């Protein structure tokens, strides 16, 4: 379900709910994911099956947004990897909060370029 969203070319969106958002080039969004007020800058390339399998062996999610995620008030920079079951929102976090993969500024949570957010990560809410 897509409501008030701009979706760029080459996106693969699998039974996700996207509202008030912009989704950039070649973005993969897994099934059951809900995104509201999110800007996704997209990906520079489609990941090959060999690369996906190699990253999975190392415990890293594929490029894009995994299944059953809930993301609100966010900017997701290019080539980020967000694992399945993640919950990302700036709610309840300090204004200058930061990790290796994420930070909050002006009430927006930002996933850094090329960052890896492990499956099941819960931030905010």
C-alpha atoms as a PDB file:
ATOM      1  CA  UNK A   1       0.000   0.000   0.000  1.00  0.00           C
ATOM      2  CA  UNK A   2       1.519   3.300  -1.107  1.00  0.00           C
ATOM      3  CA  UNK A   3      -0.024   6.586   0.033  1.00  0.00           C
ATOM      4  CA  UNK A   4       1.405  10.059  -0.698  1.00  0.00           C
ATOM      5  CA  UNK A   5       4.791   8.739  -1.758  1.00  0.00           C
ATOM      6  CA  UNK A   6       7.229   9.195  -4.627  1.00  0.00           C
ATOM      7  CA  UNK A   7       8.822   5.950  -5.792  1.00  0.00           C
ATOM      8  CA  UNK A   8      11.859   6.098  -8.116  1.00  0.00           C
ATOM      9  CA  UNK A   9      12.735   3.770 -10.979  1.00  0.00           C
ATOM     10  CA  UNK A  10      14.014   0.280 -10.321  1.00  0.00           C
ATOM     11  CA  UNK A  11      12.569  -0.159  -6.823  1.00  0.00           C
ATOM     12  CA  UNK A  12      11.441  -3.575  -5.636  1.00  0.00           C
ATOM     13  CA  UNK A  13       8.704  -3.155  -3.060  1.00  0.00           C
ATOM     14  CA  UNK A  14       7.223  -6.375  -1.665  1.00  0.00           C
ATOM     15  CA  UNK A  15       3.869  -5.908   0.081  1.00  0.00           C
ATOM     16  CA  UNK A  16       5.073  -2.924   2.131  1.00  0.00           C
ATOM     17  CA  UNK A  17       3.157   0.108   3.382  1.00  0.00           C
ATOM     18  CA  UNK A  18       4.798   3.405   2.442  1.00  0.00           C
ATOM     19  CA  UNK A  19       3.297   6.802   3.225  1.00  0.00           C
ATOM     20  CA  UNK A  20       4.485  10.427   3.098  1.00  0.00           C
ATOM     21  CA  UNK A  21       7.856   9.225   1.804  1.00  0.00           C
ATOM     22  CA  UNK A  22      10.338   9.390  -1.064  1.00  0.00           C
ATOM     23  CA  UNK A  23      12.011   6.148  -2.157  1.00  0.00           C
ATOM     24  CA  UNK A  24      15.182   6.466  -4.263  1.00  0.00           C
ATOM     25  CA  UNK A  25      16.604   4.424  -7.123  1.00  0.00           C
ATOM     26  CA  UNK A  26      16.913   0.651  -6.876  1.00  0.00           C
ATOM     27  CA  UNK A  27      15.612   0.453  -3.296  1.00  0.00           C
ATOM     28  CA  UNK A  28      14.545  -2.982  -2.078  1.00  0.00           C
ATOM     29  CA  UNK A  29      11.788  -2.967   0.581  1.00  0.00           C
ATOM     30  CA  UNK A  30      10.837  -6.277   2.196  1.00  0.00           C
ATOM     31  CA  UNK A  31       7.318  -7.567   2.866  1.00  0.00           C
ATOM     32  CA  UNK A  32       5.461  -6.339   5.925  1.00  0.00           C
ATOM     33  CA  UNK A  33       7.605  -3.212   6.256  1.00  0.00           C
ATOM     34  CA  UNK A  34       5.886   0.048   7.211  1.00  0.00           C
ATOM     35  CA  UNK A  35       7.549   3.392   6.429  1.00  0.00           C
ATOM     36  CA  UNK A  36       6.121   6.822   7.273  1.00  0.00           C
ATOM     37  CA  UNK A  37       7.859  10.163   6.658  1.00  0.00           C
ATOM     38  CA  UNK A  38      11.004   8.499   5.294  1.00  0.00           C
ATOM     39  CA  UNK A  39      13.442   9.580   2.594  1.00  0.00           C
ATOM     40  CA  UNK A  40      15.468   6.694   1.154  1.00  0.00           C
ATOM     41  CA  UNK A  41      18.325   7.806  -1.101  1.00  0.00           C
ATOM     42  CA  UNK A  42      18.484   4.425  -2.821  1.00  0.00           C
ATOM     43  CA  UNK A  43      21.299   2.210  -4.025  1.00  0.00           C
ATOM     44  CA  UNK A  44      24.092   2.578  -6.557  1.00  0.00           C
ATOM     45  CA  UNK A  45      23.658  -1.022  -7.758  1.00  0.00           C
ATOM     46  CA  UNK A  46      21.585  -4.177  -7.435  1.00  0.00           C
ATOM     47  CA  UNK A  47      23.320  -6.696  -5.227  1.00  0.00           C
ATOM     48  CA  UNK A  48      24.182 -10.011  -6.927  1.00  0.00           C
ATOM     49  CA  UNK A  49      22.980 -13.322  -5.538  1.00  0.00           C
ATOM     50  CA  UNK A  50      26.603 -14.271  -4.781  1.00  0.00           C
ATOM     51  CA  UNK A  51      27.047 -11.042  -2.786  1.00  0.00           C
ATOM     52  CA  UNK A  52      23.776 -11.583  -0.913  1.00  0.00           C
ATOM     53  CA  UNK A  53      24.795 -15.119   0.071  1.00  0.00           C
ATOM     54  CA  UNK A  54      28.287 -13.998   1.089  1.00  0.00           C
ATOM     55  CA  UNK A  55      26.907 -11.212   3.288  1.00  0.00           C
ATOM     56  CA  UNK A  56      24.314 -13.549   4.834  1.00  0.00           C
ATOM     57  CA  UNK A  57      27.117 -15.962   5.826  1.00  0.00           C
ATOM     58  CA  UNK A  58      28.782 -12.999   7.579  1.00  0.00           C
ATOM     59  CA  UNK A  59      25.487 -12.116   9.326  1.00  0.00           C
ATOM     60  CA  UNK A  60      24.911  -8.945   7.275  1.00  0.00           C
ATOM     61  CA  UNK A  61      21.547  -8.094   5.680  1.00  0.00           C
ATOM     62  CA  UNK A  62      21.224  -7.429   1.968  1.00  0.00           C
ATOM     63  CA  UNK A  63      21.289  -3.867   0.641  1.00  0.00           C
ATOM     64  CA  UNK A  64      17.923  -2.194   1.224  1.00  0.00           C
ATOM     65  CA  UNK A  65      15.270  -2.531   3.893  1.00  0.00           C
ATOM     66  CA  UNK A  66      14.390  -5.966   5.223  1.00  0.00           C
ATOM     67  CA  UNK A  67      10.998  -7.480   5.987  1.00  0.00           C
ATOM     68  CA  UNK A  68       8.718  -6.508   8.867  1.00  0.00           C
ATOM     69  CA  UNK A  69      10.502  -3.245   9.680  1.00  0.00           C
ATOM     70  CA  UNK A  70       8.855  -0.106  11.018  1.00  0.00           C
ATOM     71  CA  UNK A  71      10.635   3.140  10.158  1.00  0.00           C
ATOM     72  CA  UNK A  72       9.410   6.656  10.965  1.00  0.00           C
ATOM     73  CA  UNK A  73      10.842  10.162  10.565  1.00  0.00           C
ATOM     74  CA  UNK A  74      14.021   8.932   8.918  1.00  0.00           C
ATOM     75  CA  UNK A  75      16.565   9.576   6.202  1.00  0.00           C
ATOM     76  CA  UNK A  76      18.272   6.453   4.881  1.00  0.00           C
ATOM     77  CA  UNK A  77      21.472   7.228   2.985  1.00  0.00           C
ATOM     78  CA  UNK A  78      22.722   5.301  -0.059  1.00  0.00           C
ATOM     79  CA  UNK A  79      23.613   1.614   0.032  1.00  0.00           C
ATOM     80  CA  UNK A  80      22.435   1.102   3.621  1.00  0.00           C
ATOM     81  CA  UNK A  81      21.602  -2.395   4.857  1.00  0.00           C
ATOM     82  CA  UNK A  82      18.666  -2.597   7.278  1.00  0.00           C
ATOM     83  CA  UNK A  83      17.918  -6.093   8.542  1.00  0.00           C
ATOM     84  CA  UNK A  84      14.523  -7.695   9.061  1.00  0.00           C
ATOM     85  CA  UNK A  85      12.412  -6.725  12.057  1.00  0.00           C
ATOM     86  CA  UNK A  86      14.106  -3.371  12.729  1.00  0.00           C
ATOM     87  CA  UNK A  87      12.229  -0.543  14.432  1.00  0.00           C
ATOM     88  CA  UNK A  88      13.783   2.872  13.770  1.00  0.00           C
ATOM     89  CA  UNK A  89      12.393   6.212  14.971  1.00  0.00           C
ATOM     90  CA  UNK A  90      13.850   9.271  16.728  1.00  0.00           C
ATOM     91  CA  UNK A  91      11.156   9.211  19.434  1.00  0.00           C
ATOM     92  CA  UNK A  92      12.612   9.336  22.933  1.00  0.00           C
ATOM     93  CA  UNK A  93      16.222   9.754  21.800  1.00  0.00           C
ATOM     94  CA  UNK A  94      18.432  12.725  22.751  1.00  0.00           C
ATOM     95  CA  UNK A  95      18.937  15.382  20.066  1.00  0.00           C
ATOM     96  CA  UNK A  96      22.638  14.559  19.529  1.00  0.00           C
ATOM     97  CA  UNK A  97      22.398  10.748  19.820  1.00  0.00           C
ATOM     98  CA  UNK A  98      24.786   8.770  17.565  1.00  0.00           C
ATOM     99  CA  UNK A  99      26.186   5.281  16.857  1.00  0.00           C
ATOM    100  CA  UNK A 100      28.431   3.931  14.099  1.00  0.00           C
ATOM    101  CA  UNK A 101      25.414   3.398  11.809  1.00  0.00           C
ATOM    102  CA  UNK A 102      22.785   5.907  13.005  1.00  0.00           C
ATOM    103  CA  UNK A 103      22.357   9.411  14.367  1.00  0.00           C
ATOM    104  CA  UNK A 104      19.574  11.822  15.309  1.00  0.00           C
ATOM    105  CA  UNK A 105      19.396  15.490  14.329  1.00  0.00           C
ATOM    106  CA  UNK A 106      16.402  17.839  14.418  1.00  0.00           C
ATOM    107  CA  UNK A 107      13.963  15.043  15.258  1.00  0.00           C
ATOM    108  CA  UNK A 108      15.046  12.829  12.352  1.00  0.00           C
ATOM    109  CA  UNK A 109      16.896   9.527  12.606  1.00  0.00           C
ATOM    110  CA  UNK A 110      19.542   9.117   9.901  1.00  0.00           C
ATOM    111  CA  UNK A 111      20.990   5.821   8.677  1.00  0.00           C
ATOM    112  CA  UNK A 112      24.503   6.596   7.445  1.00  0.00           C
ATOM    113  CA  UNK A 113      25.765   5.839   3.930  1.00  0.00           C
ATOM    114  CA  UNK A 114      26.667   2.159   3.591  1.00  0.00           C
ATOM    115  CA  UNK A 115      25.656   1.486   7.208  1.00  0.00           C
ATOM    116  CA  UNK A 116      24.665  -1.945   8.458  1.00  0.00           C
ATOM    117  CA  UNK A 117      21.698  -2.108  10.865  1.00  0.00           C
ATOM    118  CA  UNK A 118      21.500  -5.706  12.182  1.00  0.00           C
ATOM    119  CA  UNK A 119      18.193  -7.592  12.088  1.00  0.00           C
ATOM    120  CA  UNK A 120      15.942  -6.925  15.072  1.00  0.00           C
ATOM    121  CA  UNK A 121      17.524  -3.552  15.968  1.00  0.00           C
ATOM    122  CA  UNK A 122      15.126  -1.332  17.932  1.00  0.00           C
ATOM    123  CA  UNK A 123      15.940   2.366  18.249  1.00  0.00           C
ATOM    124  CA  UNK A 124      13.491   4.963  19.564  1.00  0.00           C
ATOM    125  CA  UNK A 125       9.742   4.524  20.071  1.00  0.00           C
END
